[in-house]
């Protein structure tokens, strides 16, 4: 694995390195076809494209783990030389993805581009797509909508996607007018840009805001009705380049009430089949409305009146799909890889009910760490630990996850509760 600075062109590759496996593949496939009647693979699998991943976090790391099983090389761009994906990427362009240079350099080195995080500089991607010189999945025009929570909410409203009532505000004075218009006693405020993993989201009590005499944030924001939520649901949708669609079974998520981060996920969601079908159909409607190709996580609120509201969507692998690595025939990461390579979508059928526990940084320290209780965790059957290789812990930082499989959802939940009491993040 090489590491590159943004000035590295990446164009000089050894000829023998490419030709030897190429001729070997031809020899083997022709031999198999002649002697055993085995059909030759399609042309699209004879060429092994290089995939460029914008971002090198844990999502990129788990995606590359799947790509390696297909002998596909992945290059990442990330400012952190020790980012989680750096140890397994074929190459690493070290540079900020909030700047044009590293993204342009990545596009010169890769055949296909994808991304594992929304907060990236989008202009070069829009330009590349317009010029038609590079395959980008998902499209940056979808990323452009998702990067602005205001545009995202407006998209749902404009396309008759069920979402909670909202207004976009630019100034402090507009907050009071919106609250008065709807008569909200409590509402949700979201910064339109740069929010991530619970940051930039606040539940606001109207009386407290009026008493303080100012809103809790100055930036342009989305104000939306507070949904009295029974469950938070997520559906991951895969749509390939030919328009074929598959959904993963809906999951339900439990959140840390302060950090607004997922702490536990249960699959399948404990909802009626009619509600699960409705959630899947809404998720498909979102992806079709965006004419999306790729992998999309659609998060929804289910209220106490059995109504579903789309909250947000992510055009990438998602925390709500980590369990698919062990719990489904095809993981969310392999599914995205298949889409990028133009291969058939894999089965999304659940093998066993699953619970996913996020491993979050301890609240009382930052710095080097280790996972305490490892030996006890691994005594349990059907338990899979994933650590992301992050060098330092910070309060509530995502450091890994644990997937727990069970014969039933209740069995998986009970086992996960035991597991949760066994481990901790300890200071080195």
Protein backbone atom coordinates (compact mmCIF):
# COMPACT_ATOMS: atom_id res chain seq x y z
CA UNK A 1 0.00 0.00 0.00
CA UNK A 2 1.41 3.36 -1.06
CA UNK A 3 0.51 6.70 0.39
CA UNK A 4 0.41 9.69 -1.86
CA UNK A 5 0.28 13.39 -1.45
CA UNK A 6 -2.15 15.26 -3.75
CA UNK A 7 0.58 15.95 -6.31
CA UNK A 8 1.10 12.24 -7.05
CA UNK A 9 -0.20 11.39 -10.53
CA UNK A 10 -0.57 7.64 -10.01
CA UNK A 11 -0.15 7.01 -13.77
CA UNK A 12 3.08 4.98 -13.67
CA UNK A 13 2.19 1.34 -13.13
CA UNK A 14 4.35 -1.65 -13.92
CA UNK A 15 3.40 -3.30 -17.24
CA UNK A 16 4.27 -6.79 -16.03
CA UNK A 17 2.05 -6.31 -12.98
CA UNK A 18 -0.97 -5.86 -15.21
CA UNK A 19 -0.17 -8.32 -17.99
CA UNK A 20 0.72 -11.41 -15.95
CA UNK A 21 -2.66 -11.79 -14.21
CA UNK A 22 -4.39 -10.76 -17.46
CA UNK A 23 -2.81 -13.57 -19.52
CA UNK A 24 -3.24 -16.02 -16.65
CA UNK A 25 -6.95 -15.22 -16.48
CA UNK A 26 -7.38 -15.74 -20.24
CA UNK A 27 -5.53 -19.07 -20.07
CA UNK A 28 -7.62 -20.34 -17.14
CA UNK A 29 -11.00 -19.28 -18.51
CA UNK A 30 -10.34 -20.68 -21.99
CA UNK A 31 -9.11 -23.97 -20.47
CA UNK A 32 -12.23 -24.24 -18.30
CA UNK A 33 -14.52 -23.43 -21.20
CA UNK A 34 -12.88 -26.00 -23.48
CA UNK A 35 -12.46 -28.89 -21.02
CA UNK A 36 -15.44 -28.53 -18.72
CA UNK A 37 -18.01 -26.57 -20.72
CA UNK A 38 -17.88 -23.73 -18.21
CA UNK A 39 -19.20 -20.50 -19.68
CA UNK A 40 -16.72 -17.64 -19.95
CA UNK A 41 -17.39 -14.68 -17.65
CA UNK A 42 -18.96 -11.54 -19.10
CA UNK A 43 -16.72 -8.81 -20.46
CA UNK A 44 -17.50 -6.52 -17.60
CA UNK A 45 -15.70 -8.83 -15.15
CA UNK A 46 -12.62 -9.26 -17.36
CA UNK A 47 -11.70 -5.65 -16.71
CA UNK A 48 -10.98 -5.01 -13.04
CA UNK A 49 -11.65 -1.32 -12.49
CA UNK A 50 -9.95 0.71 -9.79
CA UNK A 51 -12.46 2.23 -7.37
CA UNK A 52 -11.82 5.61 -5.82
CA UNK A 53 -13.41 6.16 -2.41
CA UNK A 54 -13.78 9.73 -1.17
CA UNK A 55 -13.21 9.43 2.57
CA UNK A 56 -11.30 6.84 4.54
CA UNK A 57 -13.44 6.21 7.61
CA UNK A 58 -14.91 2.97 8.90
CA UNK A 59 -17.49 2.79 6.11
CA UNK A 60 -14.71 2.96 3.52
CA UNK A 61 -12.74 0.36 5.47
CA UNK A 62 -15.61 -2.15 5.52
CA UNK A 63 -16.34 -1.48 1.83
CA UNK A 64 -12.71 -2.17 0.91
CA UNK A 65 -12.78 -5.40 2.92
CA UNK A 66 -15.51 -6.61 0.55
CA UNK A 67 -13.71 -5.28 -2.54
CA UNK A 68 -10.59 -7.25 -1.62
CA UNK A 69 -12.60 -10.47 -1.85
CA UNK A 70 -13.22 -9.57 -5.52
CA UNK A 71 -9.56 -8.65 -6.17
CA UNK A 72 -10.63 -5.05 -6.71
CA UNK A 73 -8.16 -2.30 -5.88
CA UNK A 74 -9.45 0.74 -4.00
CA UNK A 75 -7.78 4.11 -3.60
CA UNK A 76 -8.92 6.50 -0.90
CA UNK A 77 -8.64 10.25 -0.37
CA UNK A 78 -8.58 11.42 3.24
CA UNK A 79 -6.67 14.03 5.21
CA UNK A 80 -5.86 11.63 8.05
CA UNK A 81 -2.84 9.47 7.24
CA UNK A 82 -4.03 7.00 9.90
CA UNK A 83 -7.70 6.88 8.91
CA UNK A 84 -9.41 3.48 9.35
CA UNK A 85 -9.27 2.56 5.65
CA UNK A 86 -5.61 3.50 5.20
CA UNK A 87 -4.20 0.12 6.25
CA UNK A 88 -6.08 -1.83 3.56
CA UNK A 89 -6.42 0.68 0.71
CA UNK A 90 -4.23 0.07 -2.36
CA UNK A 91 -3.25 3.74 -2.29
CA UNK A 92 -4.01 6.76 -0.13
CA UNK A 93 -4.11 10.36 -1.32
CA UNK A 94 -3.49 12.34 1.85
CA UNK A 95 -5.38 15.59 1.57
CA UNK A 96 -8.59 17.28 2.64
CA UNK A 97 -11.72 16.14 0.82
CA UNK A 98 -13.14 19.59 1.54
CA UNK A 99 -10.72 20.83 -1.13
CA UNK A 100 -10.61 20.25 -4.88
CA UNK A 101 -7.06 18.96 -5.31
CA UNK A 102 -7.28 15.54 -3.63
CA UNK A 103 -10.64 14.78 -5.26
CA UNK A 104 -9.37 15.67 -8.73
CA UNK A 105 -6.24 13.57 -8.15
CA UNK A 106 -8.39 10.63 -7.07
CA UNK A 107 -10.50 10.95 -10.21
CA UNK A 108 -7.33 10.73 -12.31
CA UNK A 109 -6.26 7.50 -10.61
CA UNK A 110 -9.60 5.65 -10.42
CA UNK A 111 -12.09 4.31 -12.97
CA UNK A 112 -15.14 4.69 -10.71
CA UNK A 113 -15.75 7.13 -7.87
CA UNK A 114 -17.93 6.70 -4.81
CA UNK A 115 -18.00 8.30 -1.36
CA UNK A 116 -18.44 7.21 2.23
CA UNK A 117 -19.26 10.58 3.77
CA UNK A 118 -21.41 13.55 2.72
CA UNK A 119 -19.12 16.40 3.80
CA UNK A 120 -16.95 16.67 0.72
CA UNK A 121 -16.21 19.37 -1.85
CA UNK A 122 -18.79 18.71 -4.54
CA UNK A 123 -17.91 21.08 -7.39
CA UNK A 124 -15.30 18.84 -9.09
CA UNK A 125 -17.71 15.91 -8.92
CA UNK A 126 -20.51 17.88 -10.58
CA UNK A 127 -18.05 18.96 -13.26
CA UNK A 128 -16.84 15.40 -13.86
CA UNK A 129 -20.40 14.13 -14.16
CA UNK A 130 -21.32 16.89 -16.61
CA UNK A 131 -18.29 16.11 -18.76
CA UNK A 132 -19.18 12.40 -18.71
CA UNK A 133 -15.54 11.38 -18.30
CA UNK A 134 -15.96 9.45 -15.07
CA UNK A 135 -18.52 7.12 -13.53
CA UNK A 136 -19.73 8.51 -10.20
CA UNK A 137 -22.08 6.45 -8.03
CA UNK A 138 -24.22 7.78 -6.44
CA UNK A 139 -24.60 10.93 -8.54
CA UNK A 140 -23.18 14.12 -6.98
CA UNK A 141 -26.48 15.89 -7.73
CA UNK A 142 -28.04 13.62 -5.08
CA UNK A 143 -25.20 14.46 -2.72
CA UNK A 144 -25.88 18.15 -3.40
CA UNK A 145 -29.45 17.72 -2.14
CA UNK A 146 -28.41 15.69 0.88
CA UNK A 147 -25.69 18.13 1.94
CA UNK A 148 -28.36 20.76 2.64
CA UNK A 149 -31.05 19.51 5.03
CA UNK A 150 -33.30 22.30 3.81
CA UNK A 151 -33.10 21.18 0.21
CA UNK A 152 -33.59 17.61 1.38
CA UNK A 153 -36.83 18.41 3.23
CA UNK A 154 -38.07 20.49 0.30
CA UNK A 155 -37.36 17.57 -2.04
CA UNK A 156 -39.56 15.28 0.05
CA UNK A 157 -42.38 17.82 0.12
CA UNK A 158 -42.13 18.50 -3.62
CA UNK A 159 -42.32 14.77 -4.41
CA UNK A 160 -45.15 13.89 -1.99
CA UNK A 161 -42.82 11.90 0.29
CA UNK A 162 -44.30 11.88 3.82
CA UNK A 163 -42.20 14.09 6.08
CA UNK A 164 -42.94 16.21 9.15
CA UNK A 165 -44.12 19.83 8.68
CA UNK A 166 -41.20 22.25 8.41
CA UNK A 167 -40.01 25.72 7.54
CA UNK A 168 -36.62 27.04 6.44
CA UNK A 169 -35.28 30.02 8.38
CA UNK A 170 -32.41 32.38 7.66
CA UNK A 171 -32.63 34.94 10.48
CA UNK A 172 -33.37 34.93 14.22
CA UNK A 173 -36.64 36.82 13.77
CA UNK A 174 -38.04 34.09 11.52
CA UNK A 175 -37.88 31.50 14.33
CA UNK A 176 -40.57 33.24 16.37
CA UNK A 177 -42.81 33.64 13.33
CA UNK A 178 -42.59 29.94 12.45
CA UNK A 179 -43.28 28.80 16.01
CA UNK A 180 -46.29 31.11 16.14
CA UNK A 181 -47.54 29.87 12.76
CA UNK A 182 -47.57 26.22 13.85
CA UNK A 183 -48.24 26.71 17.55
CA UNK A 184 -45.40 24.34 18.45
CA UNK A 185 -44.66 23.80 22.13
CA UNK A 186 -41.63 21.77 21.16
CA UNK A 187 -39.85 21.42 17.83
CA UNK A 188 -36.63 20.20 16.18
CA UNK A 189 -34.00 22.60 14.85
CA UNK A 190 -31.35 21.38 12.40
CA UNK A 191 -28.45 23.29 10.93
CA UNK A 192 -28.89 23.06 7.17
CA UNK A 193 -25.27 22.09 6.54
CA UNK A 194 -22.38 20.29 8.28
CA UNK A 195 -24.56 18.29 10.69
CA UNK A 196 -23.33 14.74 11.28
CA UNK A 197 -23.74 11.99 13.89
CA UNK A 198 -26.15 14.04 15.98
CA UNK A 199 -24.27 17.32 15.66
CA UNK A 200 -26.25 20.34 14.50
CA UNK A 201 -29.58 18.93 15.77
CA UNK A 202 -31.46 20.24 18.80
CA UNK A 203 -34.86 19.62 20.35
CA UNK A 204 -36.12 23.05 21.37
CA UNK A 205 -38.74 23.92 23.99
CA UNK A 206 -40.57 27.00 22.75
CA UNK A 207 -40.98 28.52 26.22
CA UNK A 208 -37.27 28.12 26.94
CA UNK A 209 -36.31 29.70 23.62
CA UNK A 210 -38.60 32.69 24.20
CA UNK A 211 -37.30 33.04 27.74
CA UNK A 212 -33.69 33.07 26.47
CA UNK A 213 -34.65 35.72 23.94
CA UNK A 214 -32.74 34.08 21.08
CA UNK A 215 -32.72 30.84 19.09
CA UNK A 216 -30.14 28.14 19.91
CA UNK A 217 -28.27 28.51 16.61
CA UNK A 218 -27.46 31.35 14.24
CA UNK A 219 -26.86 29.42 11.04
CA UNK A 220 -29.60 28.91 8.43
CA UNK A 221 -31.75 26.12 9.82
CA UNK A 222 -34.66 23.77 9.26
CA UNK A 223 -37.38 23.99 11.87
CA UNK A 224 -39.65 20.96 11.90
CA UNK A 225 -42.47 19.58 13.98
CA UNK A 226 -41.44 17.29 16.82
CA UNK A 227 -42.74 13.79 16.04
CA UNK A 228 -43.94 11.83 19.08
CA UNK A 229 -41.95 8.86 17.97
CA UNK A 230 -42.81 5.25 18.77
CA UNK A 231 -39.83 3.86 16.84
CA UNK A 232 -37.12 5.09 14.51
CA UNK A 233 -36.89 2.92 11.42
CA UNK A 234 -34.28 2.62 8.69
CA UNK A 235 -34.55 0.93 5.31
CA UNK A 236 -31.52 0.48 3.06
CA UNK A 237 -32.29 0.49 -0.66
CA UNK A 238 -29.98 -0.77 -3.40
CA UNK A 239 -30.63 0.34 -6.99
CA UNK A 240 -28.32 -0.79 -9.77
CA UNK A 241 -27.35 0.86 -13.03
CA UNK A 242 -30.22 -0.86 -14.86
CA UNK A 243 -32.86 0.28 -12.38
CA UNK A 244 -33.25 -3.00 -10.50
CA UNK A 245 -34.09 -2.46 -6.82
CA UNK A 246 -33.72 -4.49 -3.66
CA UNK A 247 -34.32 -3.46 -0.06
CA UNK A 248 -32.82 -4.81 3.12
CA UNK A 249 -35.29 -5.70 5.90
CA UNK A 250 -36.31 -2.63 7.95
CA UNK A 251 -34.44 -2.14 11.21
CA UNK A 252 -35.35 -0.24 14.36
CA UNK A 253 -32.81 1.96 16.10
CA UNK A 254 -32.28 3.07 19.68
CA UNK A 255 -30.44 6.35 20.27
CA UNK A 256 -28.41 7.96 23.01
CA UNK A 257 -30.77 10.77 24.11
CA UNK A 258 -27.97 13.30 24.58
CA UNK A 259 -25.53 12.54 21.75
CA UNK A 260 -28.33 11.53 19.33
CA UNK A 261 -26.22 8.57 18.19
CA UNK A 262 -27.43 5.03 17.48
CA UNK A 263 -26.56 2.77 20.41
CA UNK A 264 -28.46 -0.37 19.40
CA UNK A 265 -30.12 -1.63 16.24
CA UNK A 266 -32.61 -4.50 15.93
CA UNK A 267 -33.34 -6.43 12.74
CA UNK A 268 -35.99 -7.19 11.75
CA UNK A 269 -37.80 -4.17 13.15
CA UNK A 270 -40.53 -5.17 15.59
CA UNK A 271 -43.38 -3.77 13.54
CA UNK A 272 -46.33 -5.30 11.70
CA UNK A 273 -45.67 -6.65 8.21
CA UNK A 274 -47.99 -4.09 6.65
CA UNK A 275 -45.96 -1.31 8.30
CA UNK A 276 -42.67 -2.90 7.19
CA UNK A 277 -43.97 -3.10 3.61
CA UNK A 278 -45.05 0.53 3.78
CA UNK A 279 -41.63 1.59 5.04
CA UNK A 280 -39.92 -0.28 2.20
CA UNK A 281 -42.26 1.28 -0.39
CA UNK A 282 -41.63 4.79 0.94
CA UNK A 283 -37.86 4.19 0.84
CA UNK A 284 -38.12 2.98 -2.75
CA UNK A 285 -40.19 6.05 -3.65
CA UNK A 286 -37.43 8.31 -2.30
CA UNK A 287 -34.72 6.60 -4.36
CA UNK A 288 -36.83 6.53 -7.52
CA UNK A 289 -37.75 10.22 -7.11
CA UNK A 290 -34.03 11.02 -6.97
CA UNK A 291 -33.37 8.67 -9.89
CA UNK A 292 -30.68 7.27 -7.64
CA UNK A 293 -28.17 4.57 -8.45
CA UNK A 294 -26.21 3.17 -5.53
CA UNK A 295 -26.95 2.41 -1.90
CA UNK A 296 -29.27 4.61 0.15
CA UNK A 297 -30.30 4.55 3.81
CA UNK A 298 -33.73 6.09 4.43
CA UNK A 299 -34.40 6.95 8.07
CA UNK A 300 -38.01 7.34 9.23
CA UNK A 301 -40.07 8.12 12.30
CA UNK A 302 -43.00 5.85 13.18
CA UNK A 303 -45.41 7.76 15.40
CA UNK A 304 -48.00 6.41 17.86
CA UNK A 305 -50.73 6.76 15.21
CA UNK A 306 -48.89 4.33 12.88
CA UNK A 307 -47.79 7.07 10.50
CA UNK A 308 -44.34 7.08 8.88
CA UNK A 309 -42.36 10.26 8.19
CA UNK A 310 -39.07 10.36 6.32
CA UNK A 311 -36.47 12.04 8.49
CA UNK A 312 -33.24 11.96 6.48
CA UNK A 313 -31.45 9.88 3.89
CA UNK A 314 -27.79 8.99 3.35
CA UNK A 315 -26.51 8.10 -0.16
CA UNK A 316 -23.90 5.63 1.09
CA UNK A 317 -23.44 2.63 3.40
CA UNK A 318 -24.90 3.41 6.78
CA UNK A 319 -24.58 2.60 10.48
CA UNK A 320 -28.03 0.97 10.25
CA UNK A 321 -26.62 -1.64 7.86
CA UNK A 322 -23.51 -2.89 9.67
CA UNK A 323 -25.34 -6.03 10.81
CA UNK A 324 -25.79 -7.14 7.18
CA UNK A 325 -22.16 -8.32 7.10
CA UNK A 326 -23.11 -11.39 9.14
CA UNK A 327 -26.92 -11.32 9.18
CA UNK A 328 -27.78 -11.19 5.44
CA UNK A 329 -26.81 -13.20 2.38
CA UNK A 330 -25.31 -10.01 0.91
CA UNK A 331 -23.92 -7.20 3.04
CA UNK A 332 -24.62 -3.55 2.28
CA UNK A 333 -20.95 -3.16 1.34
CA UNK A 334 -20.92 -6.03 -1.13
CA UNK A 335 -24.20 -4.75 -2.58
CA UNK A 336 -22.63 -1.36 -3.29
CA UNK A 337 -19.60 -3.09 -4.81
CA UNK A 338 -21.88 -5.11 -7.10
CA UNK A 339 -23.61 -1.90 -8.21
CA UNK A 340 -20.30 -0.17 -8.97
CA UNK A 341 -19.08 -3.16 -10.97
CA UNK A 342 -22.33 -3.62 -12.89
CA UNK A 343 -22.95 -7.06 -11.36
CA UNK A 344 -26.35 -8.52 -10.35
CA UNK A 345 -27.75 -7.39 -7.02
CA UNK A 346 -27.31 -9.97 -4.27
CA UNK A 347 -30.00 -11.43 -2.05
CA UNK A 348 -30.88 -9.21 0.90
CA UNK A 349 -32.67 -11.98 2.77
CA UNK A 350 -32.01 -12.15 6.50
CA UNK A 351 -30.13 -15.27 7.61
CA UNK A 352 -30.83 -14.76 11.31
CA UNK A 353 -32.31 -12.00 13.48
CA UNK A 354 -29.60 -9.60 14.57
CA UNK A 355 -28.78 -6.85 17.01
CA UNK A 356 -25.97 -4.36 16.40
CA UNK A 357 -24.32 -2.52 19.28
CA UNK A 358 -22.19 0.54 18.57
CA UNK A 359 -18.92 0.68 20.49
CA UNK A 360 -18.70 4.32 21.52
CA UNK A 361 -15.90 6.21 23.20
CA UNK A 362 -16.13 6.57 26.98
CA UNK A 363 -17.47 9.90 28.22
CA UNK A 364 -14.70 10.45 30.77
CA UNK A 365 -11.52 10.52 28.68
CA UNK A 366 -9.86 11.04 25.31
CA UNK A 367 -6.75 9.26 24.11
CA UNK A 368 -5.38 5.74 23.49
CA UNK A 369 -7.75 2.96 24.55
CA UNK A 370 -8.54 -0.73 24.50
CA UNK A 371 -11.74 -2.77 24.48
CA UNK A 372 -12.27 -4.24 27.92
CA UNK A 373 -14.15 -7.53 28.26
CA UNK A 374 -13.05 -8.96 24.92
CA UNK A 375 -12.43 -12.43 26.35
CA UNK A 376 -15.93 -12.60 27.88
CA UNK A 377 -17.65 -11.36 24.73
CA UNK A 378 -16.07 -14.04 22.57
CA UNK A 379 -17.36 -16.86 24.77
CA UNK A 380 -20.84 -16.17 23.38
CA UNK A 381 -22.03 -17.90 20.21
CA UNK A 382 -22.96 -15.76 17.22
CA UNK A 383 -21.10 -12.63 18.33
CA UNK A 384 -18.90 -10.65 15.90
CA UNK A 385 -16.65 -7.78 16.99
CA UNK A 386 -15.58 -5.10 14.50
CA UNK A 387 -13.03 -2.50 15.61
CA UNK A 388 -12.30 0.33 13.21
CA UNK A 389 -8.60 0.91 13.91
CA UNK A 390 -9.01 4.42 15.29
CA UNK A 391 -5.94 5.39 17.29
CA UNK A 392 -7.68 7.47 19.93
CA UNK A 393 -10.98 7.44 21.75
CA UNK A 394 -13.08 10.55 22.29
CA UNK A 395 -16.39 10.84 24.16
CA UNK A 396 -19.10 9.10 22.09
CA UNK A 397 -16.76 8.54 19.13
CA UNK A 398 -17.65 5.50 17.02
CA UNK A 399 -14.81 3.05 17.60
CA UNK A 400 -16.43 -0.16 16.40
CA UNK A 401 -19.53 -2.29 16.57
CA UNK A 402 -20.64 -5.72 17.70
CA UNK A 403 -23.17 -7.80 15.79
CA UNK A 404 -25.13 -10.41 17.73
CA UNK A 405 -27.13 -13.13 15.97
CA UNK A 406 -29.95 -15.14 17.53
CA UNK A 407 -32.51 -17.76 16.60
CA UNK A 408 -35.22 -15.15 17.25
CA UNK A 409 -35.22 -11.38 17.68
CA UNK A 410 -35.91 -11.85 21.38
CA UNK A 411 -32.97 -14.24 21.68
CA UNK A 412 -30.65 -11.76 19.91
CA UNK A 413 -31.85 -8.86 22.08
CA UNK A 414 -31.34 -10.81 25.33
CA UNK A 415 -27.87 -11.87 24.24
CA UNK A 416 -27.01 -8.31 23.17
CA UNK A 417 -28.08 -6.97 26.56
CA UNK A 418 -25.66 -9.40 28.21
CA UNK A 419 -22.90 -8.42 25.80
CA UNK A 420 -23.49 -4.73 26.44
CA UNK A 421 -22.81 -5.24 30.13
CA UNK A 422 -19.58 -7.12 29.42
CA UNK A 423 -17.52 -4.58 27.46
CA UNK A 424 -16.18 -1.10 28.01
CA UNK A 425 -13.71 1.33 26.49
CA UNK A 426 -10.75 1.61 28.85
CA UNK A 427 -7.86 4.06 28.92
CA UNK A 428 -4.43 2.71 28.00
